[in-house]
Amino acid sequence: MDHILIVDDDPNIRSLLRDYLCDMGYETSTAENGAQMDRIIKTSQVDLIVLDLMLDGEDGLDITRELRRDDSVPIIILSARGGLLDRILGLEMGADDYLPKPFDPRELVAKIKVVLRRARALPDTRRAEPAAFVSFAGWRLDTRMKQMLSPDGVIVSLGGSDFRTLRALLDHPNRPLSREFLLDQVFGKERTPLDRSIDVCISRLRQHLKDAARRAALIRTVRNEGYMLVADVAYES
């Protein structure tokens, strides 16, 4: 049974979502702030977090960023602020999806199913088997921990969507991949071609990988074709 953690400072929303998700077959916990969320994460296995962006006295974006430093648990952000900028900021902080308030609980369940399905398609960070590594241009990606080791020995943790984007690029090195292909690989078919989420992921990865003083950009934009990772790739078991 999947364990969903609801983080929202509104007791009515916590109660409504807890009851609905329990009826849908999920194990459900609730927290009203970041401190309660941290305690639950440390004491139990959480498969997905539903996080309100506007907690009382706390910023959900900051919580998302802090989570992404140490954990790859999928995150769906809820917010009454449904503007494009807020959606982009949520994705930039490492969220896997975004749902504006008010919403139908059935839509949230649909998103939960999609995000969990994507997460299971990737290597499980909790398994005990040896991690697989992918090396490229001096970087080394740990596919189990969803972390990169830079040429200078700096560890960079990746959010779920950034990790999936990088894996897609690494699986097709030196070959342009269309935005539509990447959207399908990273976010699934519920996204539309006009969605800019993949561009946000590419921008974030470029920030991690850029080293203009020593080499050209590793992720290049190919006009009318998409994005391409320019590097030789080697896999290690």
C-alpha atoms as a PDB file:
ATOM      1  CA  MET A   1       0.000   0.000   0.000  1.00  0.00           C
ATOM      2  CA  ASP A   2       1.434   3.373  -1.007  1.00  0.00           C
ATOM      3  CA  HIS A   3       1.974   5.870   1.811  1.00  0.00           C
ATOM      4  CA  ILE A   4       0.910   9.434   0.985  1.00  0.00           C
ATOM      5  CA  LEU A   5       1.863  12.331   3.275  1.00  0.00           C
ATOM      6  CA  ILE A   6      -0.415  15.393   3.138  1.00  0.00           C
ATOM      7  CA  VAL A   7       1.219  18.626   4.340  1.00  0.00           C
ATOM      8  CA  ASP A   8      -1.334  21.434   4.677  1.00  0.00           C
ATOM      9  CA  ASP A   9      -2.095  23.931   7.448  1.00  0.00           C
ATOM     10  CA  ASP A  10      -5.859  23.794   6.764  1.00  0.00           C
ATOM     11  CA  PRO A  11      -7.366  21.046   8.993  1.00  0.00           C
ATOM     12  CA  ASN A  12     -10.426  20.736   6.755  1.00  0.00           C
ATOM     13  CA  ILE A  13      -8.308  20.030   3.686  1.00  0.00           C
ATOM     14  CA  ARG A  14      -6.125  17.577   5.626  1.00  0.00           C
ATOM     15  CA  SER A  15      -9.202  15.721   6.855  1.00  0.00           C
ATOM     16  CA  LEU A  16     -10.927  15.709   3.458  1.00  0.00           C
ATOM     17  CA  LEU A  17      -7.864  14.454   1.590  1.00  0.00           C
ATOM     18  CA  ARG A  18      -6.960  11.913   4.266  1.00  0.00           C
ATOM     19  CA  ASP A  19     -10.433  10.368   4.174  1.00  0.00           C
ATOM     20  CA  TYR A  20     -10.625  10.440   0.382  1.00  0.00           C
ATOM     21  CA  LEU A  21      -7.181   8.907  -0.148  1.00  0.00           C
ATOM     22  CA  CYS A  22      -7.859   6.249   2.485  1.00  0.00           C
ATOM     23  CA  ASP A  23     -11.083   5.356   0.664  1.00  0.00           C
ATOM     24  CA  MET A  24      -9.013   5.063  -2.532  1.00  0.00           C
ATOM     25  CA  GLY A  25      -6.736   2.505  -0.890  1.00  0.00           C
ATOM     26  CA  TYR A  26      -3.765   4.645   0.193  1.00  0.00           C
ATOM     27  CA  GLU A  27      -2.104   4.699   3.583  1.00  0.00           C
ATOM     28  CA  THR A  28      -2.293   8.362   4.546  1.00  0.00           C
ATOM     29  CA  SER A  29      -0.542  10.580   7.085  1.00  0.00           C
ATOM     30  CA  THR A  30      -1.012  14.308   7.641  1.00  0.00           C
ATOM     31  CA  ALA A  31       1.174  17.176   8.840  1.00  0.00           C
ATOM     32  CA  GLU A  32       0.343  20.838   9.375  1.00  0.00           C
ATOM     33  CA  ASN A  33       3.884  22.168   8.998  1.00  0.00           C
ATOM     34  CA  GLY A  34       7.400  21.336   7.915  1.00  0.00           C
ATOM     35  CA  ALA A  35       8.524  20.132  11.352  1.00  0.00           C
ATOM     36  CA  GLN A  36       5.743  17.537  11.544  1.00  0.00           C
ATOM     37  CA  MET A  37       6.516  16.493   7.971  1.00  0.00           C
ATOM     38  CA  ASP A  38      10.182  15.924   8.845  1.00  0.00           C
ATOM     39  CA  ARG A  39       9.282  13.740  11.839  1.00  0.00           C
ATOM     40  CA  ILE A  40       7.005  11.537   9.730  1.00  0.00           C
ATOM     41  CA  ILE A  41       9.601  11.163   6.967  1.00  0.00           C
ATOM     42  CA  LYS A  42      12.252  10.133   9.511  1.00  0.00           C
ATOM     43  CA  THR A  43      10.066   7.518  11.179  1.00  0.00           C
ATOM     44  CA  SER A  44       8.239   5.934   8.242  1.00  0.00           C
ATOM     45  CA  GLN A  45       8.588   5.269   4.539  1.00  0.00           C
ATOM     46  CA  VAL A  46       6.722   7.905   2.531  1.00  0.00           C
ATOM     47  CA  ASP A  47       6.060   7.198  -1.147  1.00  0.00           C
ATOM     48  CA  LEU A  48       4.714  10.638  -2.128  1.00  0.00           C
ATOM     49  CA  ILE A  49       4.178  14.051  -0.515  1.00  0.00           C
ATOM     50  CA  VAL A  50       1.219  16.327  -1.279  1.00  0.00           C
ATOM     51  CA  LEU A  51       2.498  19.742  -0.161  1.00  0.00           C
ATOM     52  CA  ASP A  52       0.600  23.016   0.202  1.00  0.00           C
ATOM     53  CA  LEU A  53       2.631  25.905  -1.178  1.00  0.00           C
ATOM     54  CA  MET A  54       1.338  28.469   1.349  1.00  0.00           C
ATOM     55  CA  LEU A  55       1.711  27.052   4.853  1.00  0.00           C
ATOM     56  CA  ASP A  56       1.186  29.321   7.853  1.00  0.00           C
ATOM     57  CA  GLY A  57       4.524  31.057   8.377  1.00  0.00           C
ATOM     58  CA  GLU A  58       6.357  28.738   5.971  1.00  0.00           C
ATOM     59  CA  ASP A  59       7.042  28.730   2.235  1.00  0.00           C
ATOM     60  CA  GLY A  60       6.287  25.456   0.484  1.00  0.00           C
ATOM     61  CA  LEU A  61       8.908  26.290  -2.135  1.00  0.00           C
ATOM     62  CA  ASP A  62      11.601  26.471   0.546  1.00  0.00           C
ATOM     63  CA  ILE A  63      10.402  23.167   1.994  1.00  0.00           C
ATOM     64  CA  THR A  64      10.540  21.602  -1.474  1.00  0.00           C
ATOM     65  CA  ARG A  65      14.076  22.865  -2.030  1.00  0.00           C
ATOM     66  CA  GLU A  66      15.219  21.531   1.353  1.00  0.00           C
ATOM     67  CA  LEU A  67      13.613  18.143   0.669  1.00  0.00           C
ATOM     68  CA  ARG A  68      15.370  17.885  -2.657  1.00  0.00           C
ATOM     69  CA  ARG A  69      18.783  18.307  -1.043  1.00  0.00           C
ATOM     70  CA  ASP A  70      18.501  14.954   0.734  1.00  0.00           C
ATOM     71  CA  ASP A  71      15.525  13.043  -0.660  1.00  0.00           C
ATOM     72  CA  SER A  72      14.044  12.082  -4.010  1.00  0.00           C
ATOM     73  CA  VAL A  73      10.521  11.346  -2.699  1.00  0.00           C
ATOM     74  CA  PRO A  74       7.967  12.514  -5.300  1.00  0.00           C
ATOM     75  CA  ILE A  75       6.246  15.822  -4.497  1.00  0.00           C
ATOM     76  CA  ILE A  76       2.949  17.220  -5.771  1.00  0.00           C
ATOM     77  CA  ILE A  77       2.441  20.883  -4.878  1.00  0.00           C
ATOM     78  CA  LEU A  78      -0.993  22.327  -4.080  1.00  0.00           C
ATOM     79  CA  SER A  79      -1.547  26.063  -4.184  1.00  0.00           C
ATOM     80  CA  ALA A  80      -4.225  28.713  -4.440  1.00  0.00           C
ATOM     81  CA  ARG A  81      -1.649  30.596  -6.509  1.00  0.00           C
ATOM     82  CA  GLY A  82      -2.188  28.945  -9.869  1.00  0.00           C
ATOM     83  CA  GLY A  83      -0.258  31.343 -12.070  1.00  0.00           C
ATOM     84  CA  LEU A  84       2.342  30.190 -14.570  1.00  0.00           C
ATOM     85  CA  LEU A  85       5.206  31.726 -12.583  1.00  0.00           C
ATOM     86  CA  ASP A  86       4.248  29.799  -9.453  1.00  0.00           C
ATOM     87  CA  ARG A  87       4.034  26.559 -11.423  1.00  0.00           C
ATOM     88  CA  ILE A  88       7.469  27.157 -12.919  1.00  0.00           C
ATOM     89  CA  LEU A  89       8.958  28.006  -9.518  1.00  0.00           C
ATOM     90  CA  GLY A  90       7.510  24.830  -8.047  1.00  0.00           C
ATOM     91  CA  LEU A  91       9.062  22.728 -10.785  1.00  0.00           C
ATOM     92  CA  GLU A  92      12.351  24.592 -10.481  1.00  0.00           C
ATOM     93  CA  MET A  93      12.506  23.725  -6.785  1.00  0.00           C
ATOM     94  CA  GLY A  94      12.156  20.047  -7.693  1.00  0.00           C
ATOM     95  CA  ALA A  95       8.421  19.275  -7.478  1.00  0.00           C
ATOM     96  CA  ASP A  96       7.137  16.497  -9.734  1.00  0.00           C
ATOM     97  CA  ASP A  97       3.754  18.072 -10.433  1.00  0.00           C
ATOM     98  CA  TYR A  98       1.534  21.034  -9.494  1.00  0.00           C
ATOM     99  CA  LEU A  99      -2.199  21.271  -8.843  1.00  0.00           C
ATOM    100  CA  PRO A 100      -3.918  24.662  -8.345  1.00  0.00           C
ATOM    101  CA  LYS A 101      -6.654  25.102  -5.742  1.00  0.00           C
ATOM    102  CA  PRO A 102      -9.563  24.593  -5.805  1.00  0.00           C
ATOM    103  CA  PHE A 103      -9.299  21.100  -7.275  1.00  0.00           C
ATOM    104  CA  ASP A 104     -11.292  17.910  -7.570  1.00  0.00           C
ATOM    105  CA  PRO A 105      -9.815  15.149  -5.349  1.00  0.00           C
ATOM    106  CA  ARG A 106     -10.207  12.797  -8.305  1.00  0.00           C
ATOM    107  CA  GLU A 107      -7.720  14.915 -10.255  1.00  0.00           C
ATOM    108  CA  LEU A 108      -5.247  14.701  -7.375  1.00  0.00           C
ATOM    109  CA  VAL A 109      -5.582  10.909  -7.302  1.00  0.00           C
ATOM    110  CA  ALA A 110      -4.975  10.790 -11.058  1.00  0.00           C
ATOM    111  CA  LYS A 111      -1.796  12.837 -10.630  1.00  0.00           C
ATOM    112  CA  ILE A 112      -0.661  10.676  -7.706  1.00  0.00           C
ATOM    113  CA  LYS A 113      -1.023   7.552  -9.849  1.00  0.00           C
ATOM    114  CA  VAL A 114       0.948   9.090 -12.716  1.00  0.00           C
ATOM    115  CA  VAL A 115       3.771  10.394 -10.505  1.00  0.00           C
ATOM    116  CA  LEU A 116       4.084   7.087  -8.611  1.00  0.00           C
ATOM    117  CA  ARG A 117       4.088   5.159 -11.879  1.00  0.00           C
ATOM    118  CA  ARG A 118       6.926   7.333 -13.190  1.00  0.00           C
ATOM    119  CA  ALA A 119       8.860   6.943  -9.941  1.00  0.00           C
ATOM    120  CA  ARG A 120       8.590   3.148 -10.105  1.00  0.00           C
ATOM    121  CA  ALA A 121       9.922   3.144 -13.650  1.00  0.00           C
ATOM    122  CA  LEU A 122      13.218   4.470 -12.245  1.00  0.00           C
ATOM    123  CA  PRO A 123      15.767   2.638 -10.076  1.00  0.00           C
ATOM    124  CA  ASP A 124      14.540   2.434  -6.469  1.00  0.00           C
ATOM    125  CA  THR A 125      16.856   4.313  -4.128  1.00  0.00           C
ATOM    126  CA  ARG A 126      15.885   2.040  -1.239  1.00  0.00           C
ATOM    127  CA  ARG A 127      16.952  -1.234  -2.837  1.00  0.00           C
ATOM    128  CA  ALA A 128      20.078  -2.914  -1.585  1.00  0.00           C
ATOM    129  CA  GLU A 129      21.496  -4.002  -4.912  1.00  0.00           C
ATOM    130  CA  PRO A 130      24.604  -2.191  -6.194  1.00  0.00           C
ATOM    131  CA  ALA A 131      23.984   1.146  -7.863  1.00  0.00           C
ATOM    132  CA  ALA A 132      24.494   1.635 -11.575  1.00  0.00           C
ATOM    133  CA  PHE A 133      26.660   4.538 -12.662  1.00  0.00           C
ATOM    134  CA  VAL A 134      26.758   6.551 -15.871  1.00  0.00           C
ATOM    135  CA  SER A 135      29.900   8.530 -16.688  1.00  0.00           C
ATOM    136  CA  PHE A 136      30.020  11.427 -19.143  1.00  0.00           C
ATOM    137  CA  ALA A 137      32.342  14.398 -19.664  1.00  0.00           C
ATOM    138  CA  GLY A 138      33.992  13.942 -16.285  1.00  0.00           C
ATOM    139  CA  TRP A 139      30.661  13.631 -14.471  1.00  0.00           C
ATOM    140  CA  ARG A 140      29.414  10.433 -12.783  1.00  0.00           C
ATOM    141  CA  LEU A 141      25.687   9.835 -12.254  1.00  0.00           C
ATOM    142  CA  ASP A 142      24.567   7.452  -9.520  1.00  0.00           C
ATOM    143  CA  THR A 143      21.228   6.191 -10.846  1.00  0.00           C
ATOM    144  CA  ARG A 144      20.252   4.651  -7.521  1.00  0.00           C
ATOM    145  CA  MET A 145      20.823   7.728  -5.378  1.00  0.00           C
ATOM    146  CA  LYS A 146      19.865  10.184  -8.149  1.00  0.00           C
ATOM    147  CA  GLN A 147      23.073  12.117  -7.548  1.00  0.00           C
ATOM    148  CA  MET A 148      25.840  13.398  -9.800  1.00  0.00           C
ATOM    149  CA  LEU A 149      29.493  13.672  -8.876  1.00  0.00           C
ATOM    150  CA  SER A 150      31.127  16.617 -10.642  1.00  0.00           C
ATOM    151  CA  PRO A 151      34.665  16.542 -12.101  1.00  0.00           C
ATOM    152  CA  ASP A 152      35.696  18.560  -9.034  1.00  0.00           C
ATOM    153  CA  GLY A 153      34.194  16.054  -6.604  1.00  0.00           C
ATOM    154  CA  VAL A 154      31.030  18.008  -5.741  1.00  0.00           C
ATOM    155  CA  ILE A 155      27.831  15.990  -5.192  1.00  0.00           C
ATOM    156  CA  VAL A 156      24.696  17.332  -6.892  1.00  0.00           C
ATOM    157  CA  SER A 157      21.316  15.836  -5.937  1.00  0.00           C
ATOM    158  CA  LEU A 158      18.614  15.782  -8.614  1.00  0.00           C
ATOM    159  CA  GLY A 159      14.845  16.042  -8.343  1.00  0.00           C
ATOM    160  CA  GLY A 160      12.713  13.408 -10.027  1.00  0.00           C
ATOM    161  CA  SER A 161      11.934  15.319 -13.219  1.00  0.00           C
ATOM    162  CA  ASP A 162      15.545  16.532 -13.628  1.00  0.00           C
ATOM    163  CA  PHE A 163      16.825  12.996 -13.138  1.00  0.00           C
ATOM    164  CA  ARG A 164      14.449  11.582 -15.736  1.00  0.00           C
ATOM    165  CA  THR A 165      15.404  14.324 -18.198  1.00  0.00           C
ATOM    166  CA  LEU A 166      19.106  13.624 -17.764  1.00  0.00           C
ATOM    167  CA  ARG A 167      18.575   9.872 -18.101  1.00  0.00           C
ATOM    168  CA  ALA A 168      16.696  10.383 -21.373  1.00  0.00           C
ATOM    169  CA  LEU A 169      19.542  12.520 -22.711  1.00  0.00           C
ATOM    170  CA  LEU A 170      22.170  10.035 -21.529  1.00  0.00           C
ATOM    171  CA  ASP A 171      20.297   7.152 -23.142  1.00  0.00           C
ATOM    172  CA  HIS A 172      20.506   8.960 -26.499  1.00  0.00           C
ATOM    173  CA  PRO A 173      23.862  10.799 -26.466  1.00  0.00           C
ATOM    174  CA  ASN A 174      24.870  13.014 -29.394  1.00  0.00           C
ATOM    175  CA  ARG A 175      21.354  12.766 -30.805  1.00  0.00           C
ATOM    176  CA  PRO A 176      18.726  15.549 -30.808  1.00  0.00           C
ATOM    177  CA  LEU A 177      15.627  14.701 -28.798  1.00  0.00           C
ATOM    178  CA  SER A 178      12.419  16.600 -29.474  1.00  0.00           C
ATOM    179  CA  ARG A 179      10.612  18.431 -26.687  1.00  0.00           C
ATOM    180  CA  GLU A 180       7.588  16.196 -27.310  1.00  0.00           C
ATOM    181  CA  PHE A 181       9.709  13.056 -26.843  1.00  0.00           C
ATOM    182  CA  LEU A 182      11.246  14.400 -23.634  1.00  0.00           C
ATOM    183  CA  LEU A 183       7.871  15.523 -22.277  1.00  0.00           C
ATOM    184  CA  ASP A 184       6.525  12.008 -22.838  1.00  0.00           C
ATOM    185  CA  GLN A 185       9.580  10.360 -21.261  1.00  0.00           C
ATOM    186  CA  VAL A 186       9.738  12.671 -18.257  1.00  0.00           C
ATOM    187  CA  PHE A 187       6.162  13.718 -17.496  1.00  0.00           C
ATOM    188  CA  GLY A 188       3.956  11.273 -19.364  1.00  0.00           C
ATOM    189  CA  LYS A 189       1.223  11.759 -21.915  1.00  0.00           C
ATOM    190  CA  GLU A 190      -0.902  14.010 -19.692  1.00  0.00           C
ATOM    191  CA  ARG A 191       1.324  16.955 -20.691  1.00  0.00           C
ATOM    192  CA  THR A 192       0.706  19.050 -23.795  1.00  0.00           C
ATOM    193  CA  PRO A 193       3.309  20.110 -26.385  1.00  0.00           C
ATOM    194  CA  LEU A 194       2.931  23.723 -25.191  1.00  0.00           C
ATOM    195  CA  ASP A 195       3.977  22.778 -21.665  1.00  0.00           C
ATOM    196  CA  ARG A 196       7.309  24.442 -20.782  1.00  0.00           C
ATOM    197  CA  SER A 197       8.162  22.026 -17.960  1.00  0.00           C
ATOM    198  CA  ILE A 198      10.880  20.272 -19.945  1.00  0.00           C
ATOM    199  CA  ASP A 199      12.557  23.611 -20.684  1.00  0.00           C
ATOM    200  CA  VAL A 200      12.670  24.292 -16.946  1.00  0.00           C
ATOM    201  CA  CYS A 201      14.363  20.925 -16.383  1.00  0.00           C
ATOM    202  CA  ILE A 202      16.886  21.580 -19.150  1.00  0.00           C
ATOM    203  CA  SER A 203      17.676  25.021 -17.731  1.00  0.00           C
ATOM    204  CA  ARG A 204      18.245  23.552 -14.276  1.00  0.00           C
ATOM    205  CA  LEU A 205      20.484  20.786 -15.620  1.00  0.00           C
ATOM    206  CA  ARG A 206      22.508  23.318 -17.596  1.00  0.00           C
ATOM    207  CA  GLN A 207      23.099  25.270 -14.403  1.00  0.00           C
ATOM    208  CA  HIS A 208      24.441  22.118 -12.762  1.00  0.00           C
ATOM    209  CA  LEU A 209      26.590  21.086 -15.714  1.00  0.00           C
ATOM    210  CA  LYS A 210      27.877  24.380 -17.056  1.00  0.00           C
ATOM    211  CA  ASP A 211      31.609  24.974 -17.043  1.00  0.00           C
ATOM    212  CA  ALA A 212      32.182  27.516 -19.790  1.00  0.00           C
ATOM    213  CA  ALA A 213      35.808  28.011 -18.827  1.00  0.00           C
ATOM    214  CA  ARG A 214      36.733  24.449 -19.731  1.00  0.00           C
ATOM    215  CA  ARG A 215      34.236  23.132 -22.285  1.00  0.00           C
ATOM    216  CA  ALA A 216      31.299  23.977 -24.484  1.00  0.00           C
ATOM    217  CA  ALA A 217      27.782  23.452 -23.164  1.00  0.00           C
ATOM    218  CA  LEU A 218      27.014  19.763 -22.659  1.00  0.00           C
ATOM    219  CA  ILE A 219      23.302  20.191 -23.392  1.00  0.00           C
ATOM    220  CA  ARG A 220      22.787  22.024 -26.651  1.00  0.00           C
ATOM    221  CA  THR A 221      19.669  23.357 -28.326  1.00  0.00           C
ATOM    222  CA  VAL A 222      19.315  22.042 -31.869  1.00  0.00           C
ATOM    223  CA  ARG A 223      17.135  24.391 -33.860  1.00  0.00           C
ATOM    224  CA  ASN A 224      13.811  22.873 -34.931  1.00  0.00           C
ATOM    225  CA  GLU A 225      14.823  19.514 -33.413  1.00  0.00           C
ATOM    226  CA  GLY A 226      15.127  19.804 -29.647  1.00  0.00           C
ATOM    227  CA  TYR A 227      17.909  19.197 -27.132  1.00  0.00           C
ATOM    228  CA  MET A 228      21.064  17.094 -27.368  1.00  0.00           C
ATOM    229  CA  LEU A 229      23.647  15.901 -24.837  1.00  0.00           C
ATOM    230  CA  VAL A 230      27.081  16.238 -26.452  1.00  0.00           C
ATOM    231  CA  ALA A 231      29.306  13.694 -24.700  1.00  0.00           C
ATOM    232  CA  ASP A 232      30.540  10.120 -24.779  1.00  0.00           C
ATOM    233  CA  VAL A 233      28.628   7.981 -22.273  1.00  0.00           C
ATOM    234  CA  ALA A 234      29.846   4.925 -20.363  1.00  0.00           C
ATOM    235  CA  TYR A 235      27.787   2.653 -18.108  1.00  0.00           C
ATOM    236  CA  GLU A 236      29.040   0.798 -15.027  1.00  0.00           C
ATOM    237  CA  SER A 237      27.189  -1.824 -12.998  1.00  0.00           C
END
